[in-house]
């Protein structure tokens, strides 16, 4: 299990990957060629993967997202140390917070 700021990344066993995710189209990369796991609305900083891989966004207000890294990768962010990830599948979960009457994804 890995955490970088408000992003939690949990390794998935191969048998736990939903079948529909294996053939799903991945999210588009940003203008810098990265897979963006979370983008700071105020700062513009991003938790992102620069190398090969695919990010699959699941339905629902809070995600989650599935990340496939066939060769491993590194999660980078402008204000955090990079984290190396071995090859495999991951569930990416954004931190949430309670505000009176609702729950929302934490944004910086």
PDB file of N, CA and C in Angstrom:
ATOM      1  N   UNK A   1       0.852  -1.164   0.000  1.00  0.00           N
ATOM      2  CA  UNK A   1       0.000   0.000   0.000  1.00  0.00           C
ATOM      3  C   UNK A   1       0.903   1.235   0.000  1.00  0.00           C
ATOM      4  N   UNK A   2       0.523   2.210  -0.777  1.00  0.00           N
ATOM      5  CA  UNK A   2       1.332   3.411  -0.939  1.00  0.00           C
ATOM      6  C   UNK A   2       0.430   4.632  -0.772  1.00  0.00           C
ATOM      7  N   UNK A   3       0.986   5.685  -0.217  1.00  0.00           N
ATOM      8  CA  UNK A   3       0.227   6.941  -0.103  1.00  0.00           C
ATOM      9  C   UNK A   3       1.148   8.076  -0.504  1.00  0.00           C
ATOM     10  N   UNK A   4       0.618   8.949  -1.349  1.00  0.00           N
ATOM     11  CA  UNK A   4       1.332  10.179  -1.696  1.00  0.00           C
ATOM     12  C   UNK A   4       0.307  11.304  -1.544  1.00  0.00           C
ATOM     13  N   UNK A   5       0.443  12.074  -0.484  1.00  0.00           N
ATOM     14  CA  UNK A   5      -0.532  13.135  -0.207  1.00  0.00           C
ATOM     15  C   UNK A   5      -1.926  12.565  -0.048  1.00  0.00           C
ATOM     16  N   UNK A   6      -2.874  13.052  -0.822  1.00  0.00           N
ATOM     17  CA  UNK A   6      -4.260  12.616  -0.685  1.00  0.00           C
ATOM     18  C   UNK A   6      -4.630  11.464  -1.615  1.00  0.00           C
ATOM     19  N   UNK A   7      -3.619  10.770  -2.133  1.00  0.00           N
ATOM     20  CA  UNK A   7      -3.859   9.643  -3.038  1.00  0.00           C
ATOM     21  C   UNK A   7      -3.328   8.357  -2.392  1.00  0.00           C
ATOM     22  N   UNK A   8      -4.211   7.362  -2.287  1.00  0.00           N
ATOM     23  CA  UNK A   8      -3.859   6.043  -1.759  1.00  0.00           C
ATOM     24  C   UNK A   8      -3.808   5.057  -2.922  1.00  0.00           C
ATOM     25  N   UNK A   9      -2.751   4.254  -2.994  1.00  0.00           N
ATOM     26  CA  UNK A   9      -2.568   3.299  -4.089  1.00  0.00           C
ATOM     27  C   UNK A   9      -2.396   1.916  -3.463  1.00  0.00           C
ATOM     28  N   UNK A  10      -3.317   1.016  -3.800  1.00  0.00           N
ATOM     29  CA  UNK A  10      -3.344  -0.313  -3.191  1.00  0.00           C
ATOM     30  C   UNK A  10      -3.112  -1.358  -4.280  1.00  0.00           C
ATOM     31  N   UNK A  11      -2.127  -2.225  -4.090  1.00  0.00           N
ATOM     32  CA  UNK A  11      -1.856  -3.296  -5.052  1.00  0.00           C
ATOM     33  C   UNK A  11      -3.029  -4.268  -5.089  1.00  0.00           C
ATOM     34  N   UNK A  12      -3.355  -4.745  -6.297  1.00  0.00           N
ATOM     35  CA  UNK A  12      -4.420  -5.731  -6.475  1.00  0.00           C
ATOM     36  C   UNK A  12      -3.816  -7.052  -6.931  1.00  0.00           C
ATOM     37  N   UNK A  13      -4.320  -8.134  -6.388  1.00  0.00           N
ATOM     38  CA  UNK A  13      -3.942  -9.450  -6.892  1.00  0.00           C
ATOM     39  C   UNK A  13      -4.527  -9.601  -8.295  1.00  0.00           C
ATOM     40  N   UNK A  14      -3.849 -10.317  -9.143  1.00  0.00           N
ATOM     41  CA  UNK A  14      -4.282 -10.481 -10.535  1.00  0.00           C
ATOM     42  C   UNK A  14      -5.727 -10.971 -10.625  1.00  0.00           C
ATOM     43  N   UNK A  15      -6.126 -11.900  -9.746  1.00  0.00           N
ATOM     44  CA  UNK A  15      -7.494 -12.436  -9.798  1.00  0.00           C
ATOM     45  C   UNK A  15      -8.545 -11.433  -9.322  1.00  0.00           C
ATOM     46  N   UNK A  16      -8.134 -10.353  -8.672  1.00  0.00           N
ATOM     47  CA  UNK A  16      -9.074  -9.351  -8.160  1.00  0.00           C
ATOM     48  C   UNK A  16      -9.371  -8.248  -9.168  1.00  0.00           C
ATOM     49  N   UNK A  17      -8.682  -8.254 -10.303  1.00  0.00           N
ATOM     50  CA  UNK A  17      -8.916  -7.226 -11.321  1.00  0.00           C
ATOM     51  C   UNK A  17     -10.211  -7.536 -12.046  1.00  0.00           C
ATOM     52  N   UNK A  18     -11.170  -6.588 -12.066  1.00  0.00           N
ATOM     53  CA  UNK A  18     -12.432  -6.842 -12.770  1.00  0.00           C
ATOM     54  C   UNK A  18     -12.171  -7.130 -14.255  1.00  0.00           C
ATOM     55  N   UNK A  19     -12.912  -8.083 -14.781  1.00  0.00           N
ATOM     56  CA  UNK A  19     -12.705  -8.493 -16.177  1.00  0.00           C
ATOM     57  C   UNK A  19     -12.883  -7.327 -17.146  1.00  0.00           C
ATOM     58  N   UNK A  20     -13.874  -6.472 -16.885  1.00  0.00           N
ATOM     59  CA  UNK A  20     -14.112  -5.353 -17.800  1.00  0.00           C
ATOM     60  C   UNK A  20     -12.931  -4.379 -17.836  1.00  0.00           C
ATOM     61  N   UNK A  21     -12.149  -4.332 -16.778  1.00  0.00           N
ATOM     62  CA  UNK A  21     -11.014  -3.403 -16.727  1.00  0.00           C
ATOM     63  C   UNK A  21      -9.867  -3.848 -17.635  1.00  0.00           C
ATOM     64  N   UNK A  22      -9.757  -5.143 -17.826  1.00  0.00           N
ATOM     65  CA  UNK A  22      -8.637  -5.658 -18.639  1.00  0.00           C
ATOM     66  C   UNK A  22      -8.716  -5.178 -20.084  1.00  0.00           C
ATOM     67  N   UNK A  23      -9.934  -5.014 -20.604  1.00  0.00           N
ATOM     68  CA  UNK A  23     -10.091  -4.600 -21.999  1.00  0.00           C
ATOM     69  C   UNK A  23     -10.516  -3.136 -22.128  1.00  0.00           C
ATOM     70  N   UNK A  24     -10.690  -2.433 -20.998  1.00  0.00           N
ATOM     71  CA  UNK A  24     -11.188  -1.053 -21.042  1.00  0.00           C
ATOM     72  C   UNK A  24     -10.139  -0.103 -21.629  1.00  0.00           C
ATOM     73  N   UNK A  25     -10.675   0.916 -22.310  1.00  0.00           N
ATOM     74  CA  UNK A  25      -9.791   1.970 -22.790  1.00  0.00           C
ATOM     75  C   UNK A  25      -9.300   2.762 -21.578  1.00  0.00           C
ATOM     76  N   UNK A  26      -8.099   3.178 -21.617  1.00  0.00           N
ATOM     77  CA  UNK A  26      -7.553   3.973 -20.521  1.00  0.00           C
ATOM     78  C   UNK A  26      -7.861   5.451 -20.693  1.00  0.00           C
ATOM     79  N   UNK A  27      -7.657   6.182 -19.612  1.00  0.00           N
ATOM     80  CA  UNK A  27      -7.813   7.637 -19.645  1.00  0.00           C
ATOM     81  C   UNK A  27      -6.753   8.246 -20.554  1.00  0.00           C
ATOM     82  N   UNK A  28      -7.074   9.387 -21.126  1.00  0.00           N
ATOM     83  CA  UNK A  28      -6.094  10.098 -21.937  1.00  0.00           C
ATOM     84  C   UNK A  28      -4.994  10.661 -21.040  1.00  0.00           C
ATOM     85  N   UNK A  29      -3.809  10.783 -21.613  1.00  0.00           N
ATOM     86  CA  UNK A  29      -2.702  11.389 -20.883  1.00  0.00           C
ATOM     87  C   UNK A  29      -2.802  12.910 -20.976  1.00  0.00           C
ATOM     88  N   UNK A  30      -2.175  13.592 -20.015  1.00  0.00           N
ATOM     89  CA  UNK A  30      -2.219  15.053 -20.059  1.00  0.00           C
ATOM     90  C   UNK A  30      -1.222  15.579 -21.102  1.00  0.00           C
ATOM     91  N   UNK A  31      -1.098  16.865 -21.207  1.00  0.00           N
ATOM     92  CA  UNK A  31      -0.239  17.490 -22.198  1.00  0.00           C
ATOM     93  C   UNK A  31       1.235  17.160 -22.046  1.00  0.00           C
ATOM     94  N   UNK A  32       1.610  16.662 -20.862  1.00  0.00           N
ATOM     95  CA  UNK A  32       3.004  16.267 -20.603  1.00  0.00           C
ATOM     96  C   UNK A  32       3.201  14.765 -20.762  1.00  0.00           C
ATOM     97  N   UNK A  33       2.176  14.057 -21.234  1.00  0.00           N
ATOM     98  CA  UNK A  33       2.278  12.624 -21.463  1.00  0.00           C
ATOM     99  C   UNK A  33       2.116  11.781 -20.216  1.00  0.00           C
ATOM    100  N   UNK A  34       1.556  12.342 -19.158  1.00  0.00           N
ATOM    101  CA  UNK A  34       1.437  11.626 -17.886  1.00  0.00           C
ATOM    102  C   UNK A  34       0.026  11.097 -17.675  1.00  0.00           C
ATOM    103  N   UNK A  35      -0.081  10.049 -16.881  1.00  0.00           N
ATOM    104  CA  UNK A  35      -1.369   9.575 -16.381  1.00  0.00           C
ATOM    105  C   UNK A  35      -1.623  10.319 -15.076  1.00  0.00           C
ATOM    106  N   UNK A  36      -2.614  11.163 -15.033  1.00  0.00           N
ATOM    107  CA  UNK A  36      -2.865  11.988 -13.854  1.00  0.00           C
ATOM    108  C   UNK A  36      -3.834  11.279 -12.920  1.00  0.00           C
ATOM    109  N   UNK A  37      -3.346  10.952 -11.727  1.00  0.00           N
ATOM    110  CA  UNK A  37      -4.170  10.297 -10.713  1.00  0.00           C
ATOM    111  C   UNK A  37      -5.015  11.314  -9.969  1.00  0.00           C
ATOM    112  N   UNK A  38      -4.467  12.499  -9.745  1.00  0.00           N
ATOM    113  CA  UNK A  38      -5.192  13.581  -9.069  1.00  0.00           C
ATOM    114  C   UNK A  38      -4.525  14.896  -9.451  1.00  0.00           C
ATOM    115  N   UNK A  39      -5.363  15.886  -9.724  1.00  0.00           N
ATOM    116  CA  UNK A  39      -4.860  17.196 -10.124  1.00  0.00           C
ATOM    117  C   UNK A  39      -5.302  18.231  -9.105  1.00  0.00           C
ATOM    118  N   UNK A  40      -4.362  19.004  -8.601  1.00  0.00           N
ATOM    119  CA  UNK A  40      -4.679  20.068  -7.651  1.00  0.00           C
ATOM    120  C   UNK A  40      -5.392  21.208  -8.359  1.00  0.00           C
ATOM    121  N   UNK A  41      -6.589  21.535  -7.869  1.00  0.00           N
ATOM    122  CA  UNK A  41      -7.378  22.575  -8.529  1.00  0.00           C
ATOM    123  C   UNK A  41      -6.774  23.961  -8.345  1.00  0.00           C
ATOM    124  N   UNK A  42      -6.146  24.189  -7.213  1.00  0.00           N
ATOM    125  CA  UNK A  42      -5.581  25.511  -6.932  1.00  0.00           C
ATOM    126  C   UNK A  42      -4.145  25.610  -7.434  1.00  0.00           C
ATOM    127  N   UNK A  43      -3.347  24.590  -7.123  1.00  0.00           N
ATOM    128  CA  UNK A  43      -1.920  24.652  -7.438  1.00  0.00           C
ATOM    129  C   UNK A  43      -1.602  24.197  -8.856  1.00  0.00           C
ATOM    130  N   UNK A  44      -2.423  23.337  -9.446  1.00  0.00           N
ATOM    131  CA  UNK A  44      -2.117  22.759 -10.749  1.00  0.00           C
ATOM    132  C   UNK A  44      -1.112  21.620 -10.651  1.00  0.00           C
ATOM    133  N   UNK A  45      -0.654  21.317  -9.428  1.00  0.00           N
ATOM    134  CA  UNK A  45       0.248  20.181  -9.231  1.00  0.00           C
ATOM    135  C   UNK A  45      -0.535  18.879  -9.406  1.00  0.00           C
ATOM    136  N   UNK A  46       0.182  17.813  -9.782  1.00  0.00           N
ATOM    137  CA  UNK A  46      -0.509  16.556 -10.047  1.00  0.00           C
ATOM    138  C   UNK A  46       0.244  15.364  -9.469  1.00  0.00           C
ATOM    139  N   UNK A  47      -0.519  14.398  -8.977  1.00  0.00           N
ATOM    140  CA  UNK A  47       0.015  13.073  -8.669  1.00  0.00           C
ATOM    141  C   UNK A  47      -0.095  12.330  -9.993  1.00  0.00           C
ATOM    142  N   UNK A  48       1.029  11.896 -10.557  1.00  0.00           N
ATOM    143  CA  UNK A  48       0.985  11.373 -11.921  1.00  0.00           C
ATOM    144  C   UNK A  48       2.012  10.272 -12.138  1.00  0.00           C
ATOM    145  N   UNK A  49       1.761   9.477 -13.170  1.00  0.00           N
ATOM    146  CA  UNK A  49       2.663   8.418 -13.616  1.00  0.00           C
ATOM    147  C   UNK A  49       3.184   8.837 -14.989  1.00  0.00           C
ATOM    148  N   UNK A  50       4.490   8.862 -15.152  1.00  0.00           N
ATOM    149  CA  UNK A  50       5.057   9.310 -16.431  1.00  0.00           C
ATOM    150  C   UNK A  50       5.314   8.167 -17.409  1.00  0.00           C
ATOM    151  N   UNK A  51       5.477   6.963 -16.931  1.00  0.00           N
ATOM    152  CA  UNK A  51       5.869   5.844 -17.789  1.00  0.00           C
ATOM    153  C   UNK A  51       4.699   5.110 -18.400  1.00  0.00           C
ATOM    154  N   UNK A  52       4.979   3.947 -18.978  1.00  0.00           N
ATOM    155  CA  UNK A  52       3.926   3.141 -19.604  1.00  0.00           C
ATOM    156  C   UNK A  52       2.884   2.693 -18.583  1.00  0.00           C
ATOM    157  N   UNK A  53       1.654   2.580 -19.045  1.00  0.00           N
ATOM    158  CA  UNK A  53       0.585   2.116 -18.173  1.00  0.00           C
ATOM    159  C   UNK A  53      -0.750   2.595 -18.666  1.00  0.00           C
ATOM    160  N   UNK A  54      -1.758   2.249 -17.911  1.00  0.00           N
ATOM    161  CA  UNK A  54      -3.129   2.594 -18.243  1.00  0.00           C
ATOM    162  C   UNK A  54      -3.875   2.935 -16.975  1.00  0.00           C
ATOM    163  N   UNK A  55      -4.721   3.951 -17.044  1.00  0.00           N
ATOM    164  CA  UNK A  55      -5.557   4.346 -15.912  1.00  0.00           C
ATOM    165  C   UNK A  55      -7.002   4.183 -16.342  1.00  0.00           C
ATOM    166  N   UNK A  56      -7.753   3.379 -15.603  1.00  0.00           N
ATOM    167  CA  UNK A  56      -9.155   3.123 -15.930  1.00  0.00           C
ATOM    168  C   UNK A  56     -10.014   3.733 -14.828  1.00  0.00           C
ATOM    169  N   UNK A  57     -10.883   4.654 -15.207  1.00  0.00           N
ATOM    170  CA  UNK A  57     -11.751   5.316 -14.233  1.00  0.00           C
ATOM    171  C   UNK A  57     -13.065   4.549 -14.139  1.00  0.00           C
ATOM    172  N   UNK A  58     -13.438   4.165 -12.942  1.00  0.00           N
ATOM    173  CA  UNK A  58     -14.687   3.454 -12.700  1.00  0.00           C
ATOM    174  C   UNK A  58     -15.805   4.458 -12.513  1.00  0.00           C
ATOM    175  N   UNK A  59     -17.026   4.013 -12.719  1.00  0.00           N
ATOM    176  CA  UNK A  59     -18.184   4.893 -12.562  1.00  0.00           C
ATOM    177  C   UNK A  59     -18.355   5.278 -11.100  1.00  0.00           C
ATOM    178  N   UNK A  60     -18.968   6.413 -10.877  1.00  0.00           N
ATOM    179  CA  UNK A  60     -19.241   6.846  -9.517  1.00  0.00           C
ATOM    180  C   UNK A  60     -18.542   8.146  -9.195  1.00  0.00           C
ATOM    181  N   UNK A  61     -19.120   8.866  -8.261  1.00  0.00           N
ATOM    182  CA  UNK A  61     -18.595  10.189  -7.922  1.00  0.00           C
ATOM    183  C   UNK A  61     -17.184  10.141  -7.360  1.00  0.00           C
ATOM    184  N   UNK A  62     -16.847   9.056  -6.678  1.00  0.00           N
ATOM    185  CA  UNK A  62     -15.544   8.987  -6.013  1.00  0.00           C
ATOM    186  C   UNK A  62     -14.587   8.002  -6.651  1.00  0.00           C
ATOM    187  N   UNK A  63     -14.860   7.584  -7.847  1.00  0.00           N
ATOM    188  CA  UNK A  63     -13.970   6.629  -8.491  1.00  0.00           C
ATOM    189  C   UNK A  63     -14.381   5.243  -8.092  1.00  0.00           C
ATOM    190  N   UNK A  64     -13.590   4.351  -7.733  1.00  0.00           N
ATOM    191  CA  UNK A  64     -12.135   4.471  -7.707  1.00  0.00           C
ATOM    192  C   UNK A  64     -11.564   4.344  -9.115  1.00  0.00           C
ATOM    193  N   UNK A  65     -10.280   4.395  -9.211  1.00  0.00           N
ATOM    194  CA  UNK A  65      -9.593   4.205 -10.482  1.00  0.00           C
ATOM    195  C   UNK A  65      -8.728   2.954 -10.372  1.00  0.00           C
ATOM    196  N   UNK A  66      -8.552   2.311 -11.504  1.00  0.00           N
ATOM    197  CA  UNK A  66      -7.650   1.162 -11.566  1.00  0.00           C
ATOM    198  C   UNK A  66      -6.440   1.572 -12.401  1.00  0.00           C
ATOM    199  N   UNK A  67      -5.276   1.188 -11.954  1.00  0.00           N
ATOM    200  CA  UNK A  67      -4.030   1.543 -12.623  1.00  0.00           C
ATOM    201  C   UNK A  67      -3.295   0.261 -12.991  1.00  0.00           C
ATOM    202  N   UNK A  68      -2.934   0.141 -14.262  1.00  0.00           N
ATOM    203  CA  UNK A  68      -2.157  -1.021 -14.702  1.00  0.00           C
ATOM    204  C   UNK A  68      -0.780  -0.539 -15.127  1.00  0.00           C
ATOM    205  N   UNK A  69       0.239  -1.082 -14.488  1.00  0.00           N
ATOM    206  CA  UNK A  69       1.623  -0.736 -14.807  1.00  0.00           C
ATOM    207  C   UNK A  69       2.336  -2.014 -15.248  1.00  0.00           C
ATOM    208  N   UNK A  70       2.383  -2.294 -16.556  1.00  0.00           N
ATOM    209  CA  UNK A  70       2.975  -3.541 -17.022  1.00  0.00           C
ATOM    210  C   UNK A  70       4.482  -3.630 -16.813  1.00  0.00           C
ATOM    211  N   UNK A  71       5.126  -2.486 -16.609  1.00  0.00           N
ATOM    212  CA  UNK A  71       6.581  -2.471 -16.395  1.00  0.00           C
ATOM    213  C   UNK A  71       6.957  -1.806 -15.071  1.00  0.00           C
ATOM    214  N   UNK A  72       5.986  -1.559 -14.214  1.00  0.00           N
ATOM    215  CA  UNK A  72       6.242  -0.779 -13.015  1.00  0.00           C
ATOM    216  C   UNK A  72       6.226   0.698 -13.369  1.00  0.00           C
ATOM    217  N   UNK A  73       6.405   1.547 -12.383  1.00  0.00           N
ATOM    218  CA  UNK A  73       6.380   2.979 -12.658  1.00  0.00           C
ATOM    219  C   UNK A  73       6.705   3.777 -11.412  1.00  0.00           C
ATOM    220  N   UNK A  74       6.640   5.088 -11.564  1.00  0.00           N
ATOM    221  CA  UNK A  74       6.909   5.995 -10.456  1.00  0.00           C
ATOM    222  C   UNK A  74       5.791   7.021 -10.373  1.00  0.00           C
ATOM    223  N   UNK A  75       5.276   7.204  -9.149  1.00  0.00           N
ATOM    224  CA  UNK A  75       4.289   8.255  -8.926  1.00  0.00           C
ATOM    225  C   UNK A  75       5.076   9.508  -8.570  1.00  0.00           C
ATOM    226  N   UNK A  76       4.849  10.576  -9.307  1.00  0.00           N
ATOM    227  CA  UNK A  76       5.572  11.822  -9.058  1.00  0.00           C
ATOM    228  C   UNK A  76       4.587  12.935  -8.701  1.00  0.00           C
ATOM    229  N   UNK A  77       5.087  13.930  -8.003  1.00  0.00           N
ATOM    230  CA  UNK A  77       4.316  15.119  -7.627  1.00  0.00           C
ATOM    231  C   UNK A  77       5.320  16.226  -7.355  1.00  0.00           C
ATOM    232  N   UNK A  78       4.934  17.439  -7.643  1.00  0.00           N
ATOM    233  CA  UNK A  78       5.833  18.576  -7.497  1.00  0.00           C
ATOM    234  C   UNK A  78       6.279  18.815  -6.051  1.00  0.00           C
ATOM    235  N   UNK A  79       5.508  18.379  -5.052  1.00  0.00           N
ATOM    236  CA  UNK A  79       5.838  18.662  -3.653  1.00  0.00           C
ATOM    237  C   UNK A  79       6.100  17.419  -2.806  1.00  0.00           C
ATOM    238  N   UNK A  80       6.065  16.244  -3.406  1.00  0.00           N
ATOM    239  CA  UNK A  80       6.274  15.006  -2.664  1.00  0.00           C
ATOM    240  C   UNK A  80       7.407  14.211  -3.304  1.00  0.00           C
ATOM    241  N   UNK A  81       8.033  13.358  -2.496  1.00  0.00           N
ATOM    242  CA  UNK A  81       9.047  12.457  -3.035  1.00  0.00           C
ATOM    243  C   UNK A  81       8.379  11.441  -3.964  1.00  0.00           C
ATOM    244  N   UNK A  82       9.085  11.048  -5.016  1.00  0.00           N
ATOM    245  CA  UNK A  82       8.552  10.041  -5.952  1.00  0.00           C
ATOM    246  C   UNK A  82       8.459   8.697  -5.240  1.00  0.00           C
ATOM    247  N   UNK A  83       7.507   7.884  -5.676  1.00  0.00           N
ATOM    248  CA  UNK A  83       7.312   6.542  -5.119  1.00  0.00           C
ATOM    249  C   UNK A  83       7.402   5.548  -6.261  1.00  0.00           C
ATOM    250  N   UNK A  84       8.280   4.566  -6.133  1.00  0.00           N
ATOM    251  CA  UNK A  84       8.400   3.510  -7.132  1.00  0.00           C
ATOM    252  C   UNK A  84       7.337   2.446  -6.911  1.00  0.00           C
ATOM    253  N   UNK A  85       6.711   1.994  -7.986  1.00  0.00           N
ATOM    254  CA  UNK A  85       5.694   0.947  -7.908  1.00  0.00           C
ATOM    255  C   UNK A  85       6.139  -0.237  -8.763  1.00  0.00           C
ATOM    256  N   UNK A  86       6.101  -1.437  -8.219  1.00  0.00           N
ATOM    257  CA  UNK A  86       6.397  -2.619  -9.032  1.00  0.00           C
ATOM    258  C   UNK A  86       5.315  -2.822 -10.095  1.00  0.00           C
ATOM    259  N   UNK A  87       5.613  -3.616 -11.104  1.00  0.00           N
ATOM    260  CA  UNK A  87       4.613  -3.869 -12.133  1.00  0.00           C
ATOM    261  C   UNK A  87       3.400  -4.555 -11.517  1.00  0.00           C
ATOM    262  N   UNK A  88       2.228  -4.283 -12.108  1.00  0.00           N
ATOM    263  CA  UNK A  88       1.007  -4.902 -11.602  1.00  0.00           C
ATOM    264  C   UNK A  88      -0.189  -3.988 -11.736  1.00  0.00           C
ATOM    265  N   UNK A  89      -1.268  -4.406 -11.071  1.00  0.00           N
ATOM    266  CA  UNK A  89      -2.518  -3.651 -11.036  1.00  0.00           C
ATOM    267  C   UNK A  89      -2.667  -3.000  -9.682  1.00  0.00           C
ATOM    268  N   UNK A  90      -3.294  -1.814  -9.674  1.00  0.00           N
ATOM    269  CA  UNK A  90      -3.500  -1.063  -8.437  1.00  0.00           C
ATOM    270  C   UNK A  90      -4.882  -0.426  -8.441  1.00  0.00           C
ATOM    271  N   UNK A  91      -5.436  -0.264  -7.252  1.00  0.00           N
ATOM    272  CA  UNK A  91      -6.638   0.542  -7.064  1.00  0.00           C
ATOM    273  C   UNK A  91      -6.167   1.887  -6.529  1.00  0.00           C
ATOM    274  N   UNK A  92      -6.633   2.966  -7.126  1.00  0.00           N
ATOM    275  CA  UNK A  92      -6.247   4.320  -6.720  1.00  0.00           C
ATOM    276  C   UNK A  92      -7.457   4.964  -6.063  1.00  0.00           C
ATOM    277  N   UNK A  93      -7.292   5.394  -4.843  1.00  0.00           N
ATOM    278  CA  UNK A  93      -8.393   5.959  -4.068  1.00  0.00           C
ATOM    279  C   UNK A  93      -8.019   7.369  -3.639  1.00  0.00           C
ATOM    280  N   UNK A  94      -8.894   8.318  -3.919  1.00  0.00           N
ATOM    281  CA  UNK A  94      -8.688   9.698  -3.473  1.00  0.00           C
ATOM    282  C   UNK A  94      -9.214   9.863  -2.063  1.00  0.00           C
ATOM    283  N   UNK A  95      -8.504  10.619  -1.253  1.00  0.00           N
ATOM    284  CA  UNK A  95      -8.952  10.903   0.102  1.00  0.00           C
ATOM    285  C   UNK A  95     -10.246  11.707   0.045  1.00  0.00           C
ATOM    286  N   UNK A  96     -11.152  11.392   0.954  1.00  0.00           N
ATOM    287  CA  UNK A  96     -12.430  12.100   1.026  1.00  0.00           C
ATOM    288  C   UNK A  96     -12.541  12.789   2.374  1.00  0.00           C
ATOM    289  N   UNK A  97     -13.389  13.780   2.439  1.00  0.00           N
ATOM    290  CA  UNK A  97     -13.631  14.470   3.696  1.00  0.00           C
ATOM    291  C   UNK A  97     -15.115  14.731   3.856  1.00  0.00           C
ATOM    292  N   UNK A  98     -15.508  14.753   5.109  1.00  0.00           N
ATOM    293  CA  UNK A  98     -16.906  15.040   5.413  1.00  0.00           C
ATOM    294  C   UNK A  98     -17.072  16.544   5.564  1.00  0.00           C
ATOM    295  N   UNK A  99     -18.074  17.071   4.940  1.00  0.00           N
ATOM    296  CA  UNK A  99     -18.507  18.439   5.189  1.00  0.00           C
ATOM    297  C   UNK A  99     -19.979  18.315   5.535  1.00  0.00           C
ATOM    298  N   UNK A 100     -20.496  19.158   6.390  1.00  0.00           N
ATOM    299  CA  UNK A 100     -21.891  18.973   6.814  1.00  0.00           C
ATOM    300  C   UNK A 100     -22.836  18.745   5.634  1.00  0.00           C
ATOM    301  N   UNK A 101     -23.463  17.575   5.651  1.00  0.00           N
ATOM    302  CA  UNK A 101     -24.444  17.240   4.632  1.00  0.00           C
ATOM    303  C   UNK A 101     -23.914  16.470   3.450  1.00  0.00           C
ATOM    304  N   UNK A 102     -22.595  16.299   3.349  1.00  0.00           N
ATOM    305  CA  UNK A 102     -22.077  15.557   2.199  1.00  0.00           C
ATOM    306  C   UNK A 102     -20.638  15.079   2.446  1.00  0.00           C
ATOM    307  N   UNK A 103     -20.161  14.292   1.505  1.00  0.00           N
ATOM    308  CA  UNK A 103     -18.771  13.825   1.496  1.00  0.00           C
ATOM    309  C   UNK A 103     -18.202  14.244   0.162  1.00  0.00           C
ATOM    310  N   UNK A 104     -16.976  14.743   0.169  1.00  0.00           N
ATOM    311  CA  UNK A 104     -16.363  15.176  -1.089  1.00  0.00           C
ATOM    312  C   UNK A 104     -14.912  14.747  -1.148  1.00  0.00           C
ATOM    313  N   UNK A 105     -14.389  14.705  -2.363  1.00  0.00           N
ATOM    314  CA  UNK A 105     -12.984  14.384  -2.575  1.00  0.00           C
ATOM    315  C   UNK A 105     -12.151  15.569  -2.117  1.00  0.00           C
ATOM    316  N   UNK A 106     -11.066  15.292  -1.406  1.00  0.00           N
ATOM    317  CA  UNK A 106     -10.171  16.357  -0.949  1.00  0.00           C
ATOM    318  C   UNK A 106      -9.484  16.970  -2.162  1.00  0.00           C
ATOM    319  N   UNK A 107      -9.471  18.283  -2.206  1.00  0.00           N
ATOM    320  CA  UNK A 107      -8.809  18.997  -3.299  1.00  0.00           C
ATOM    321  C   UNK A 107      -7.835  19.999  -2.713  1.00  0.00           C
ATOM    322  N   UNK A 108      -6.676  20.128  -3.355  1.00  0.00           N
ATOM    323  CA  UNK A 108      -5.730  21.139  -2.873  1.00  0.00           C
ATOM    324  C   UNK A 108      -5.556  22.230  -3.887  1.00  0.00           C
TER     325      UNK A 108
END
